[in-house]
Amino acid sequence: MGSPGITVHHLRAALGGARRLGLDTVPLLQGAGIPPLLLGDDAAQVTAEQFARLVRGLHRATGDEFLGLGAAPSRPGTFAMMCCTCLACPDLGTALERAVRFYGLFPGGPDLGLERQGGEAVFAVRNDLHGHPEGAFLAECAMTLWHRLAGWLIGRRIPLRWARFAHPAPPYAAEYPLMFGCPVRCGAGPAPAAAAGFDARWLAAPVVRDEEGLGELLRQAPAGLLSRREYGTTVADQVRHALLRSLGEGRPARLPEVTQLAARLAVSPATLRRRLQEEGTSYRRLKDQVRRDAAITGLAEGREPIAQLAARLGFSEDTAFHRAFRRWTGMTPGAYRLHGQRS
């Protein structure tokens, strides 16, 4: 969800509700451009866009904003109405308190909480998800949604000081610091299911979004909030867009170096590196993400020979592309394309 890629563990969890409802998940995976056989590889990853397409497909197929994973279904439009109630609030603290009260009206919905503890604010998901097959996934999704929605409301990225989850550390726990940008502790007990702390001063930040902006957000929600790595106008966004433009400008690609990007953004290379670090990423990580997403898209489309794709992405040798792709997804380019053709 904010990791370099979306792990197959998240795909399996997201599909759990659809399976219990008796839905055929193969067309849902295919519609998202995800080879179904990929679910059998624990090391596999997919792009944020593939995951977003899957979540949107599950939303339509289940008719449930909780994707069939919650204790009770959430009718389509519930999240949108909650967001509408937040827009009228003067500041973030009021908006979050209203969101807590809103979902408290629905039996089986998320039991949310917001507390002020001195100079720190703590947002919690208090549901007891122990024993739920997708408990870890549900806790992560709830925490990701509220954090990114809060940042969207005020047009700023809110740095978390810490986060903790009741569930034991999952196989991908090493990615948590990248997902949440802070130290993360697991196995913190049965309740709350998840909690995170941040500077309480953010609660006074004014809500700056309007209904027009909300319409844009809702066209991709909740998948966009779950899968996007940033929101608003961040330095990481600017770097990513510059890299994407470079990929489309020539063959082979000539991706700019940090010094070139810094000059375009009118900052020093040291400042650019520091700002990216503050946003929980780096130039190398963003470069990897852009190349990986373009590689997966190219392989899924199947029109381009692998050697030609490697050259287009700026790899000087096929072997370097194969090593990078295996590191990104857990599969070779050929195996990934073959899975897609068999599905």
C-alpha atoms as a PDB file:
ATOM      1  CA  MET A   1       0.000   0.000   0.000  1.00  0.00           C
ATOM      2  CA  GLY A   2       2.875   2.403   0.353  1.00  0.00           C
ATOM      3  CA  SER A   3       5.517  -0.229  -0.293  1.00  0.00           C
ATOM      4  CA  PRO A   4       7.700  -0.535  -3.383  1.00  0.00           C
ATOM      5  CA  GLY A   5       5.076  -2.989  -4.672  1.00  0.00           C
ATOM      6  CA  ILE A   6       1.882  -4.675  -3.498  1.00  0.00           C
ATOM      7  CA  THR A   7       2.679  -8.131  -2.131  1.00  0.00           C
ATOM      8  CA  VAL A   8       0.738 -11.233  -3.074  1.00  0.00           C
ATOM      9  CA  HIS A   9      -0.287 -11.542   0.591  1.00  0.00           C
ATOM     10  CA  HIS A  10      -2.427  -8.420   0.166  1.00  0.00           C
ATOM     11  CA  LEU A  11      -3.987  -9.812  -3.011  1.00  0.00           C
ATOM     12  CA  ARG A  12      -5.026 -13.025  -1.261  1.00  0.00           C
ATOM     13  CA  ALA A  13      -6.520 -11.098   1.646  1.00  0.00           C
ATOM     14  CA  ALA A  14      -8.415  -8.685  -0.614  1.00  0.00           C
ATOM     15  CA  LEU A  15      -9.977 -11.651  -2.429  1.00  0.00           C
ATOM     16  CA  GLY A  16     -11.066 -13.391   0.793  1.00  0.00           C
ATOM     17  CA  GLY A  17     -14.499 -11.794   0.978  1.00  0.00           C
ATOM     18  CA  ALA A  18     -15.298 -12.498  -2.669  1.00  0.00           C
ATOM     19  CA  ARG A  19     -14.357 -16.141  -2.182  1.00  0.00           C
ATOM     20  CA  ARG A  20     -16.648 -16.454   0.827  1.00  0.00           C
ATOM     21  CA  LEU A  21     -19.447 -14.950  -1.248  1.00  0.00           C
ATOM     22  CA  GLY A  22     -18.874 -17.651  -3.873  1.00  0.00           C
ATOM     23  CA  LEU A  23     -17.600 -15.277  -6.560  1.00  0.00           C
ATOM     24  CA  ASP A  24     -15.207 -16.440  -9.261  1.00  0.00           C
ATOM     25  CA  THR A  25     -11.993 -14.516  -8.568  1.00  0.00           C
ATOM     26  CA  VAL A  26     -10.195 -15.428 -11.798  1.00  0.00           C
ATOM     27  CA  PRO A  27     -12.082 -12.864 -13.955  1.00  0.00           C
ATOM     28  CA  LEU A  28     -11.482 -10.254 -11.261  1.00  0.00           C
ATOM     29  CA  LEU A  29      -7.736 -10.868 -11.371  1.00  0.00           C
ATOM     30  CA  GLN A  30      -7.682 -10.919 -15.148  1.00  0.00           C
ATOM     31  CA  GLY A  31      -9.651  -7.676 -15.276  1.00  0.00           C
ATOM     32  CA  ALA A  32      -6.948  -6.086 -13.122  1.00  0.00           C
ATOM     33  CA  GLY A  33      -4.182  -7.407 -15.382  1.00  0.00           C
ATOM     34  CA  ILE A  34      -2.931  -9.817 -12.702  1.00  0.00           C
ATOM     35  CA  PRO A  35      -2.026 -13.381 -13.763  1.00  0.00           C
ATOM     36  CA  PRO A  36      -4.039 -15.681 -11.415  1.00  0.00           C
ATOM     37  CA  LEU A  37      -1.097 -18.074 -11.091  1.00  0.00           C
ATOM     38  CA  LEU A  38       0.857 -15.259  -9.445  1.00  0.00           C
ATOM     39  CA  LEU A  39      -1.091 -15.905  -6.219  1.00  0.00           C
ATOM     40  CA  GLY A  40       0.912 -19.096  -5.717  1.00  0.00           C
ATOM     41  CA  ASP A  41       4.230 -17.249  -5.434  1.00  0.00           C
ATOM     42  CA  ASP A  42       4.825 -15.777  -1.959  1.00  0.00           C
ATOM     43  CA  ALA A  43       7.577 -13.498  -3.281  1.00  0.00           C
ATOM     44  CA  ALA A  44       5.480 -12.008  -6.087  1.00  0.00           C
ATOM     45  CA  GLN A  45       4.382  -8.379  -6.225  1.00  0.00           C
ATOM     46  CA  VAL A  46       2.097  -6.320  -8.450  1.00  0.00           C
ATOM     47  CA  THR A  47       1.928  -2.606  -9.156  1.00  0.00           C
ATOM     48  CA  ALA A  48      -0.191  -0.131  -7.240  1.00  0.00           C
ATOM     49  CA  GLU A  49      -2.337   0.396 -10.347  1.00  0.00           C
ATOM     50  CA  GLN A  50      -3.013  -3.341 -10.713  1.00  0.00           C
ATOM     51  CA  PHE A  51      -4.034  -3.502  -7.060  1.00  0.00           C
ATOM     52  CA  ALA A  52      -6.268  -0.449  -7.468  1.00  0.00           C
ATOM     53  CA  ARG A  53      -8.021  -2.059 -10.452  1.00  0.00           C
ATOM     54  CA  LEU A  54      -8.563  -5.243  -8.426  1.00  0.00           C
ATOM     55  CA  VAL A  55     -10.077  -3.329  -5.494  1.00  0.00           C
ATOM     56  CA  ARG A  56     -12.409  -1.438  -7.841  1.00  0.00           C
ATOM     57  CA  GLY A  57     -13.478  -4.736  -9.409  1.00  0.00           C
ATOM     58  CA  LEU A  58     -14.099  -6.283  -5.998  1.00  0.00           C
ATOM     59  CA  HIS A  59     -16.097  -3.223  -4.962  1.00  0.00           C
ATOM     60  CA  ARG A  60     -18.409  -3.672  -7.953  1.00  0.00           C
ATOM     61  CA  ALA A  61     -18.642  -7.452  -7.670  1.00  0.00           C
ATOM     62  CA  THR A  62     -19.441  -7.567  -3.955  1.00  0.00           C
ATOM     63  CA  GLY A  63     -21.571  -4.403  -3.800  1.00  0.00           C
ATOM     64  CA  ASP A  64     -19.814  -3.785  -0.498  1.00  0.00           C
ATOM     65  CA  GLU A  65     -17.334  -1.044   0.334  1.00  0.00           C
ATOM     66  CA  PHE A  66     -15.704  -3.493   2.768  1.00  0.00           C
ATOM     67  CA  LEU A  67     -15.278  -6.010  -0.111  1.00  0.00           C
ATOM     68  CA  GLY A  68     -17.147  -8.696   1.833  1.00  0.00           C
ATOM     69  CA  LEU A  69     -14.481  -8.672   4.550  1.00  0.00           C
ATOM     70  CA  GLY A  70     -16.302  -6.850   7.334  1.00  0.00           C
ATOM     71  CA  ALA A  71     -18.691  -8.096   9.999  1.00  0.00           C
ATOM     72  CA  ALA A  72     -21.489  -6.416   8.024  1.00  0.00           C
ATOM     73  CA  PRO A  73     -21.561  -4.990   4.480  1.00  0.00           C
ATOM     74  CA  SER A  74     -21.171  -1.284   3.851  1.00  0.00           C
ATOM     75  CA  ARG A  75     -23.494  -0.005   1.139  1.00  0.00           C
ATOM     76  CA  PRO A  76     -21.889   1.833  -1.801  1.00  0.00           C
ATOM     77  CA  GLY A  77     -21.895   5.557  -1.154  1.00  0.00           C
ATOM     78  CA  THR A  78     -21.283   5.321   2.586  1.00  0.00           C
ATOM     79  CA  PHE A  79     -17.640   6.414   2.324  1.00  0.00           C
ATOM     80  CA  ALA A  80     -18.624   9.279   0.005  1.00  0.00           C
ATOM     81  CA  MET A  81     -21.235  10.557   2.462  1.00  0.00           C
ATOM     82  CA  MET A  82     -18.721  10.401   5.299  1.00  0.00           C
ATOM     83  CA  CYS A  83     -16.284  12.480   3.223  1.00  0.00           C
ATOM     84  CA  CYS A  84     -19.036  15.022   2.465  1.00  0.00           C
ATOM     85  CA  THR A  85     -19.663  15.525   6.166  1.00  0.00           C
ATOM     86  CA  CYS A  86     -15.946  16.175   6.716  1.00  0.00           C
ATOM     87  CA  LEU A  87     -15.721  18.904   4.049  1.00  0.00           C
ATOM     88  CA  ALA A  88     -17.900  21.249   6.110  1.00  0.00           C
ATOM     89  CA  CYS A  89     -15.530  21.071   9.085  1.00  0.00           C
ATOM     90  CA  PRO A  90     -13.215  23.988   9.903  1.00  0.00           C
ATOM     91  CA  ASP A  91     -10.195  21.879  10.798  1.00  0.00           C
ATOM     92  CA  LEU A  92      -8.797  18.347  10.689  1.00  0.00           C
ATOM     93  CA  GLY A  93      -9.579  17.524  14.325  1.00  0.00           C
ATOM     94  CA  THR A  94     -13.260  18.304  13.853  1.00  0.00           C
ATOM     95  CA  ALA A  95     -13.323  16.335  10.586  1.00  0.00           C
ATOM     96  CA  LEU A  96     -11.786  13.228  12.162  1.00  0.00           C
ATOM     97  CA  GLU A  97     -14.133  13.384  15.132  1.00  0.00           C
ATOM     98  CA  ARG A  98     -17.073  13.624  12.731  1.00  0.00           C
ATOM     99  CA  ALA A  99     -15.790  10.609  10.768  1.00  0.00           C
ATOM    100  CA  VAL A 100     -15.556   8.627  14.016  1.00  0.00           C
ATOM    101  CA  ARG A 101     -19.156   9.490  14.921  1.00  0.00           C
ATOM    102  CA  PHE A 102     -20.374   8.802  11.380  1.00  0.00           C
ATOM    103  CA  TYR A 103     -19.103   5.214  11.226  1.00  0.00           C
ATOM    104  CA  GLY A 104     -20.274   4.669  14.795  1.00  0.00           C
ATOM    105  CA  LEU A 105     -23.837   4.845  13.438  1.00  0.00           C
ATOM    106  CA  PHE A 106     -23.439   1.584  11.526  1.00  0.00           C
ATOM    107  CA  PRO A 107     -23.496  -1.796  13.320  1.00  0.00           C
ATOM    108  CA  GLY A 108     -20.591  -3.944  12.199  1.00  0.00           C
ATOM    109  CA  GLY A 109     -18.665  -0.951  10.878  1.00  0.00           C
ATOM    110  CA  PRO A 110     -15.189   0.155  11.935  1.00  0.00           C
ATOM    111  CA  ASP A 111     -14.990   1.200  15.583  1.00  0.00           C
ATOM    112  CA  LEU A 112     -12.765   4.267  15.299  1.00  0.00           C
ATOM    113  CA  GLY A 113     -11.343   6.515  17.989  1.00  0.00           C
ATOM    114  CA  LEU A 114      -9.435   9.788  18.232  1.00  0.00           C
ATOM    115  CA  GLU A 115      -7.710  10.826  21.451  1.00  0.00           C
ATOM    116  CA  ARG A 116      -5.443  13.702  22.447  1.00  0.00           C
ATOM    117  CA  GLN A 117      -2.621  12.698  24.774  1.00  0.00           C
ATOM    118  CA  GLY A 118      -0.652  15.823  25.647  1.00  0.00           C
ATOM    119  CA  GLY A 119       1.017  17.027  22.492  1.00  0.00           C
ATOM    120  CA  GLU A 120       0.187  13.861  20.616  1.00  0.00           C
ATOM    121  CA  ALA A 121      -2.966  12.748  18.807  1.00  0.00           C
ATOM    122  CA  VAL A 122      -3.744   9.036  18.525  1.00  0.00           C
ATOM    123  CA  PHE A 123      -6.113   7.590  15.947  1.00  0.00           C
ATOM    124  CA  ALA A 124      -7.221   4.012  16.618  1.00  0.00           C
ATOM    125  CA  VAL A 125      -9.179   1.202  14.995  1.00  0.00           C
ATOM    126  CA  ARG A 126     -10.654  -0.487  18.059  1.00  0.00           C
ATOM    127  CA  ASN A 127     -12.332  -3.506  16.433  1.00  0.00           C
ATOM    128  CA  ASP A 128     -11.178  -6.886  17.698  1.00  0.00           C
ATOM    129  CA  LEU A 129      -9.922  -8.499  14.485  1.00  0.00           C
ATOM    130  CA  HIS A 130      -8.107 -11.399  16.193  1.00  0.00           C
ATOM    131  CA  GLY A 131      -9.098 -14.647  14.547  1.00  0.00           C
ATOM    132  CA  HIS A 132     -10.396 -12.948  11.410  1.00  0.00           C
ATOM    133  CA  PRO A 133      -8.695 -14.531   8.359  1.00  0.00           C
ATOM    134  CA  GLU A 134      -7.963 -11.085   6.909  1.00  0.00           C
ATOM    135  CA  GLY A 135      -7.494  -9.294  10.224  1.00  0.00           C
ATOM    136  CA  ALA A 136      -4.049  -7.898   9.394  1.00  0.00           C
ATOM    137  CA  PHE A 137      -5.213  -6.688   5.988  1.00  0.00           C
ATOM    138  CA  LEU A 138      -8.301  -4.997   7.439  1.00  0.00           C
ATOM    139  CA  ALA A 139      -6.266  -3.199  10.108  1.00  0.00           C
ATOM    140  CA  GLU A 140      -3.706  -2.025   7.557  1.00  0.00           C
ATOM    141  CA  CYS A 141      -6.408  -0.822   5.166  1.00  0.00           C
ATOM    142  CA  ALA A 142      -8.256   1.092   7.870  1.00  0.00           C
ATOM    143  CA  MET A 143      -5.071   2.800   9.046  1.00  0.00           C
ATOM    144  CA  THR A 144      -3.959   3.597   5.494  1.00  0.00           C
ATOM    145  CA  LEU A 145      -7.360   5.020   4.529  1.00  0.00           C
ATOM    146  CA  TRP A 146      -7.742   7.353   7.498  1.00  0.00           C
ATOM    147  CA  HIS A 147      -4.114   8.546   7.283  1.00  0.00           C
ATOM    148  CA  ARG A 148      -4.233   9.373   3.601  1.00  0.00           C
ATOM    149  CA  LEU A 149      -7.737  10.818   3.740  1.00  0.00           C
ATOM    150  CA  ALA A 150      -6.641  13.066   6.614  1.00  0.00           C
ATOM    151  CA  GLY A 151      -3.687  14.266   4.568  1.00  0.00           C
ATOM    152  CA  TRP A 152      -5.906  14.841   1.549  1.00  0.00           C
ATOM    153  CA  LEU A 153      -8.366  16.948   3.579  1.00  0.00           C
ATOM    154  CA  ILE A 154      -5.672  19.436   4.595  1.00  0.00           C
ATOM    155  CA  GLY A 155      -3.547  19.127   1.452  1.00  0.00           C
ATOM    156  CA  ARG A 156      -0.479  18.057   3.422  1.00  0.00           C
ATOM    157  CA  ARG A 157       1.310  14.820   4.197  1.00  0.00           C
ATOM    158  CA  ILE A 158       0.950  14.078   7.917  1.00  0.00           C
ATOM    159  CA  PRO A 159       4.081  12.365   9.283  1.00  0.00           C
ATOM    160  CA  LEU A 160       3.308   9.605  11.753  1.00  0.00           C
ATOM    161  CA  ARG A 161       5.463   9.226  14.845  1.00  0.00           C
ATOM    162  CA  TRP A 162       4.634   5.562  15.363  1.00  0.00           C
ATOM    163  CA  ALA A 163       2.104   2.873  14.504  1.00  0.00           C
ATOM    164  CA  ARG A 164       1.201  -0.411  16.131  1.00  0.00           C
ATOM    165  CA  PHE A 165      -0.935  -3.401  15.219  1.00  0.00           C
ATOM    166  CA  ALA A 166      -2.463  -6.099  17.389  1.00  0.00           C
ATOM    167  CA  HIS A 167      -1.727  -8.863  14.889  1.00  0.00           C
ATOM    168  CA  PRO A 168       1.619 -10.697  14.853  1.00  0.00           C
ATOM    169  CA  ALA A 169       4.214  -9.501  12.386  1.00  0.00           C
ATOM    170  CA  PRO A 170       3.226 -10.706   8.879  1.00  0.00           C
ATOM    171  CA  PRO A 171       5.756 -12.045   6.330  1.00  0.00           C
ATOM    172  CA  TYR A 172       6.027  -8.581   4.770  1.00  0.00           C
ATOM    173  CA  ALA A 173       6.491  -6.695   8.073  1.00  0.00           C
ATOM    174  CA  ALA A 174       9.845  -5.334   6.878  1.00  0.00           C
ATOM    175  CA  GLU A 175       7.855  -3.144   4.468  1.00  0.00           C
ATOM    176  CA  TYR A 176       5.834  -1.459   7.229  1.00  0.00           C
ATOM    177  CA  PRO A 177       8.265   1.456   7.724  1.00  0.00           C
ATOM    178  CA  LEU A 178       7.948   2.200   4.000  1.00  0.00           C
ATOM    179  CA  MET A 179       4.165   1.870   4.084  1.00  0.00           C
ATOM    180  CA  PHE A 180       3.637   4.162   7.062  1.00  0.00           C
ATOM    181  CA  GLY A 181       6.846   6.187   7.195  1.00  0.00           C
ATOM    182  CA  CYS A 182       7.442   5.522  10.894  1.00  0.00           C
ATOM    183  CA  PRO A 183       8.491   2.791  13.343  1.00  0.00           C
ATOM    184  CA  VAL A 184       5.835   0.049  13.474  1.00  0.00           C
ATOM    185  CA  ARG A 185       5.281  -2.495  16.273  1.00  0.00           C
ATOM    186  CA  CYS A 186       3.253  -5.688  15.845  1.00  0.00           C
ATOM    187  CA  GLY A 187       1.770  -8.092  18.353  1.00  0.00           C
ATOM    188  CA  ALA A 188       0.622  -5.255  20.597  1.00  0.00           C
ATOM    189  CA  GLY A 189      -2.370  -7.153  22.017  1.00  0.00           C
ATOM    190  CA  PRO A 190      -5.993  -7.768  21.058  1.00  0.00           C
ATOM    191  CA  ALA A 191      -7.199  -4.135  21.188  1.00  0.00           C
ATOM    192  CA  PRO A 192      -7.028  -1.758  19.519  1.00  0.00           C
ATOM    193  CA  ALA A 193      -6.531  -3.556  16.224  1.00  0.00           C
ATOM    194  CA  ALA A 194      -4.410  -0.628  15.021  1.00  0.00           C
ATOM    195  CA  ALA A 195      -3.295   2.763  16.283  1.00  0.00           C
ATOM    196  CA  ALA A 196      -0.973   5.540  15.176  1.00  0.00           C
ATOM    197  CA  GLY A 197       0.340   8.705  16.791  1.00  0.00           C
ATOM    198  CA  PHE A 198       1.133  12.084  15.260  1.00  0.00           C
ATOM    199  CA  ASP A 199       1.747  15.648  16.387  1.00  0.00           C
ATOM    200  CA  ALA A 200      -1.519  17.029  17.804  1.00  0.00           C
ATOM    201  CA  ARG A 201      -0.876  20.364  16.125  1.00  0.00           C
ATOM    202  CA  TRP A 202      -2.030  18.817  12.852  1.00  0.00           C
ATOM    203  CA  LEU A 203      -5.565  18.693  14.262  1.00  0.00           C
ATOM    204  CA  ALA A 204      -5.750  22.493  13.963  1.00  0.00           C
ATOM    205  CA  ALA A 205      -4.863  22.440  10.244  1.00  0.00           C
ATOM    206  CA  PRO A 206      -7.740  23.854   8.157  1.00  0.00           C
ATOM    207  CA  VAL A 207      -9.702  21.614   5.799  1.00  0.00           C
ATOM    208  CA  VAL A 208      -8.894  22.963   2.321  1.00  0.00           C
ATOM    209  CA  ARG A 209     -10.799  20.598   0.017  1.00  0.00           C
ATOM    210  CA  ASP A 210     -14.125  21.279  -1.696  1.00  0.00           C
ATOM    211  CA  GLU A 211     -16.830  19.220  -3.418  1.00  0.00           C
ATOM    212  CA  GLU A 212     -15.119  19.434  -6.806  1.00  0.00           C
ATOM    213  CA  GLY A 213     -11.936  17.978  -5.363  1.00  0.00           C
ATOM    214  CA  LEU A 214     -13.944  15.340  -3.528  1.00  0.00           C
ATOM    215  CA  GLY A 215     -15.507  14.223  -6.813  1.00  0.00           C
ATOM    216  CA  GLU A 216     -12.036  13.577  -8.220  1.00  0.00           C
ATOM    217  CA  LEU A 217     -11.042  11.643  -5.099  1.00  0.00           C
ATOM    218  CA  LEU A 218     -14.188   9.512  -5.081  1.00  0.00           C
ATOM    219  CA  ARG A 219     -13.797   8.451  -8.700  1.00  0.00           C
ATOM    220  CA  GLN A 220     -10.813   6.386  -7.556  1.00  0.00           C
ATOM    221  CA  ALA A 221     -11.836   5.674  -3.945  1.00  0.00           C
ATOM    222  CA  PRO A 222     -11.174   3.708  -1.925  1.00  0.00           C
ATOM    223  CA  ALA A 223      -8.686   1.966  -4.213  1.00  0.00           C
ATOM    224  CA  GLY A 224      -6.767   5.134  -4.984  1.00  0.00           C
ATOM    225  CA  LEU A 225      -6.203   5.942  -1.319  1.00  0.00           C
ATOM    226  CA  LEU A 226      -5.144   2.375  -0.561  1.00  0.00           C
ATOM    227  CA  SER A 227      -2.701   2.045  -3.437  1.00  0.00           C
ATOM    228  CA  ARG A 228      -1.259   5.494  -4.031  1.00  0.00           C
ATOM    229  CA  ARG A 229       2.089   6.147  -2.440  1.00  0.00           C
ATOM    230  CA  GLU A 230       1.699   9.880  -2.059  1.00  0.00           C
ATOM    231  CA  TYR A 231      -1.104  12.409  -2.184  1.00  0.00           C
ATOM    232  CA  GLY A 232      -1.216  16.091  -2.900  1.00  0.00           C
ATOM    233  CA  THR A 233       1.751  17.791  -4.549  1.00  0.00           C
ATOM    234  CA  THR A 234       4.793  16.163  -3.003  1.00  0.00           C
ATOM    235  CA  VAL A 235       8.396  16.213  -4.096  1.00  0.00           C
ATOM    236  CA  ALA A 236       8.110  12.473  -4.722  1.00  0.00           C
ATOM    237  CA  ASP A 237       5.204  13.155  -7.109  1.00  0.00           C
ATOM    238  CA  GLN A 238       7.283  15.672  -9.020  1.00  0.00           C
ATOM    239  CA  VAL A 239      10.238  13.309  -9.284  1.00  0.00           C
ATOM    240  CA  ARG A 240       8.016  10.412 -10.355  1.00  0.00           C
ATOM    241  CA  HIS A 241       6.341  12.496 -13.058  1.00  0.00           C
ATOM    242  CA  ALA A 242       9.729  13.638 -14.361  1.00  0.00           C
ATOM    243  CA  LEU A 243      10.913  10.021 -14.582  1.00  0.00           C
ATOM    244  CA  LEU A 244       7.710   8.973 -16.361  1.00  0.00           C
ATOM    245  CA  ARG A 245       8.153  11.749 -18.916  1.00  0.00           C
ATOM    246  CA  SER A 246      11.734  10.634 -19.522  1.00  0.00           C
ATOM    247  CA  LEU A 247      10.572   7.064 -20.170  1.00  0.00           C
ATOM    248  CA  GLY A 248       8.254   8.329 -22.884  1.00  0.00           C
ATOM    249  CA  GLU A 249      10.715  10.659 -24.573  1.00  0.00           C
ATOM    250  CA  GLY A 250      13.107   8.238 -26.215  1.00  0.00           C
ATOM    251  CA  ARG A 251      14.357   4.709 -26.746  1.00  0.00           C
ATOM    252  CA  PRO A 252      16.409   3.719 -24.890  1.00  0.00           C
ATOM    253  CA  ALA A 253      15.231   5.788 -21.940  1.00  0.00           C
ATOM    254  CA  ARG A 254      17.611   8.322 -20.500  1.00  0.00           C
ATOM    255  CA  LEU A 255      16.446   8.771 -16.953  1.00  0.00           C
ATOM    256  CA  PRO A 256      17.759  11.971 -15.343  1.00  0.00           C
ATOM    257  CA  GLU A 257      20.188  11.768 -12.464  1.00  0.00           C
ATOM    258  CA  VAL A 258      19.595  13.430  -9.098  1.00  0.00           C
ATOM    259  CA  THR A 259      21.610  16.502 -10.084  1.00  0.00           C
ATOM    260  CA  GLN A 260      19.535  16.990 -13.244  1.00  0.00           C
ATOM    261  CA  LEU A 261      16.248  16.553 -11.404  1.00  0.00           C
ATOM    262  CA  ALA A 262      17.327  18.947  -8.676  1.00  0.00           C
ATOM    263  CA  ALA A 263      18.111  21.588 -11.321  1.00  0.00           C
ATOM    264  CA  ARG A 264      14.639  21.138 -12.845  1.00  0.00           C
ATOM    265  CA  LEU A 265      13.050  21.623  -9.415  1.00  0.00           C
ATOM    266  CA  ALA A 266      15.279  24.602  -8.616  1.00  0.00           C
ATOM    267  CA  VAL A 267      16.797  23.025  -5.498  1.00  0.00           C
ATOM    268  CA  SER A 268      20.208  21.633  -4.641  1.00  0.00           C
ATOM    269  CA  PRO A 269      20.791  17.853  -4.901  1.00  0.00           C
ATOM    270  CA  ALA A 270      21.239  17.721  -1.113  1.00  0.00           C
ATOM    271  CA  THR A 271      17.886  19.455  -0.566  1.00  0.00           C
ATOM    272  CA  LEU A 272      16.167  17.112  -2.990  1.00  0.00           C
ATOM    273  CA  ARG A 273      17.581  14.066  -1.221  1.00  0.00           C
ATOM    274  CA  ARG A 274      16.566  15.441   2.183  1.00  0.00           C
ATOM    275  CA  ARG A 275      12.994  16.194   1.086  1.00  0.00           C
ATOM    276  CA  LEU A 276      12.590  12.755  -0.442  1.00  0.00           C
ATOM    277  CA  GLN A 277      13.920  11.201   2.770  1.00  0.00           C
ATOM    278  CA  GLU A 278      11.373  13.226   4.780  1.00  0.00           C
ATOM    279  CA  GLU A 279       8.641  11.750   2.562  1.00  0.00           C
ATOM    280  CA  GLY A 280       9.908   8.240   3.247  1.00  0.00           C
ATOM    281  CA  THR A 281      11.483   7.564  -0.134  1.00  0.00           C
ATOM    282  CA  SER A 282      14.566   8.228  -2.277  1.00  0.00           C
ATOM    283  CA  TYR A 283      15.515   8.880  -5.888  1.00  0.00           C
ATOM    284  CA  ARG A 284      16.706   5.300  -6.340  1.00  0.00           C
ATOM    285  CA  ARG A 285      13.479   3.884  -4.898  1.00  0.00           C
ATOM    286  CA  LEU A 286      11.324   6.085  -7.139  1.00  0.00           C
ATOM    287  CA  LYS A 287      13.401   5.170 -10.173  1.00  0.00           C
ATOM    288  CA  ASP A 288      12.922   1.483  -9.350  1.00  0.00           C
ATOM    289  CA  GLN A 289       9.170   1.947  -8.913  1.00  0.00           C
ATOM    290  CA  VAL A 290       8.739   3.734 -12.251  1.00  0.00           C
ATOM    291  CA  ARG A 291      10.816   1.166 -14.111  1.00  0.00           C
ATOM    292  CA  ARG A 292       9.066  -1.744 -12.406  1.00  0.00           C
ATOM    293  CA  ASP A 293       5.577  -0.467 -13.162  1.00  0.00           C
ATOM    294  CA  ALA A 294       6.504   0.172 -16.807  1.00  0.00           C
ATOM    295  CA  ALA A 295       8.072  -3.294 -17.061  1.00  0.00           C
ATOM    296  CA  ILE A 296       5.002  -5.055 -15.647  1.00  0.00           C
ATOM    297  CA  THR A 297       2.711  -3.090 -17.958  1.00  0.00           C
ATOM    298  CA  GLY A 298       4.856  -3.916 -20.974  1.00  0.00           C
ATOM    299  CA  LEU A 299       4.997  -7.619 -20.123  1.00  0.00           C
ATOM    300  CA  ALA A 300       1.245  -7.798 -19.474  1.00  0.00           C
ATOM    301  CA  GLU A 301       0.482  -6.180 -22.840  1.00  0.00           C
ATOM    302  CA  GLY A 302       2.710  -8.790 -24.492  1.00  0.00           C
ATOM    303  CA  ARG A 303       3.486  -6.866 -27.692  1.00  0.00           C
ATOM    304  CA  GLU A 304       7.139  -6.071 -27.041  1.00  0.00           C
ATOM    305  CA  PRO A 305      10.038  -8.563 -27.002  1.00  0.00           C
ATOM    306  CA  ILE A 306      11.642  -8.730 -23.570  1.00  0.00           C
ATOM    307  CA  ALA A 307      15.048  -7.579 -24.867  1.00  0.00           C
ATOM    308  CA  GLN A 308      13.429  -4.571 -26.532  1.00  0.00           C
ATOM    309  CA  LEU A 309      11.485  -3.758 -23.369  1.00  0.00           C
ATOM    310  CA  ALA A 310      14.691  -3.913 -21.313  1.00  0.00           C
ATOM    311  CA  ALA A 311      16.409  -1.493 -23.693  1.00  0.00           C
ATOM    312  CA  ARG A 312      13.430   0.887 -23.681  1.00  0.00           C
ATOM    313  CA  LEU A 313      13.595   1.064 -19.884  1.00  0.00           C
ATOM    314  CA  GLY A 314      17.265   2.019 -20.007  1.00  0.00           C
ATOM    315  CA  PHE A 315      18.912  -1.289 -19.065  1.00  0.00           C
ATOM    316  CA  SER A 316      22.230  -1.753 -20.842  1.00  0.00           C
ATOM    317  CA  GLU A 317      22.035  -5.559 -20.625  1.00  0.00           C
ATOM    318  CA  ASP A 318      19.219  -8.125 -20.608  1.00  0.00           C
ATOM    319  CA  THR A 319      20.747  -9.825 -17.567  1.00  0.00           C
ATOM    320  CA  ALA A 320      20.524  -6.594 -15.539  1.00  0.00           C
ATOM    321  CA  PHE A 321      16.826  -6.304 -16.412  1.00  0.00           C
ATOM    322  CA  HIS A 322      16.195  -9.933 -15.431  1.00  0.00           C
ATOM    323  CA  ARG A 323      17.915  -9.447 -12.058  1.00  0.00           C
ATOM    324  CA  ALA A 324      15.978  -6.252 -11.371  1.00  0.00           C
ATOM    325  CA  PHE A 325      12.617  -7.754 -12.355  1.00  0.00           C
ATOM    326  CA  ARG A 326      13.144 -10.800 -10.151  1.00  0.00           C
ATOM    327  CA  ARG A 327      14.018  -8.490  -7.248  1.00  0.00           C
ATOM    328  CA  TRP A 328      10.851  -6.428  -7.882  1.00  0.00           C
ATOM    329  CA  THR A 329       8.350  -9.240  -8.323  1.00  0.00           C
ATOM    330  CA  GLY A 330       9.951 -12.533  -7.351  1.00  0.00           C
ATOM    331  CA  MET A 331       9.667 -13.785 -10.967  1.00  0.00           C
ATOM    332  CA  THR A 332      11.677 -13.552 -14.171  1.00  0.00           C
ATOM    333  CA  PRO A 333      10.224 -11.441 -17.005  1.00  0.00           C
ATOM    334  CA  GLY A 334       9.621 -14.568 -19.077  1.00  0.00           C
ATOM    335  CA  ALA A 335       7.805 -16.372 -16.269  1.00  0.00           C
ATOM    336  CA  TYR A 336       5.642 -13.331 -15.562  1.00  0.00           C
ATOM    337  CA  ARG A 337       4.623 -13.026 -19.217  1.00  0.00           C
ATOM    338  CA  LEU A 338       3.977 -16.787 -19.428  1.00  0.00           C
ATOM    339  CA  HIS A 339       1.691 -16.638 -16.369  1.00  0.00           C
ATOM    340  CA  GLY A 340      -0.235 -13.847 -18.035  1.00  0.00           C
ATOM    341  CA  GLN A 341      -0.660 -15.818 -21.274  1.00  0.00           C
ATOM    342  CA  ARG A 342      -1.828 -18.960 -19.426  1.00  0.00           C
ATOM    343  CA  SER A 343      -4.398 -17.033 -17.405  1.00  0.00           C
END
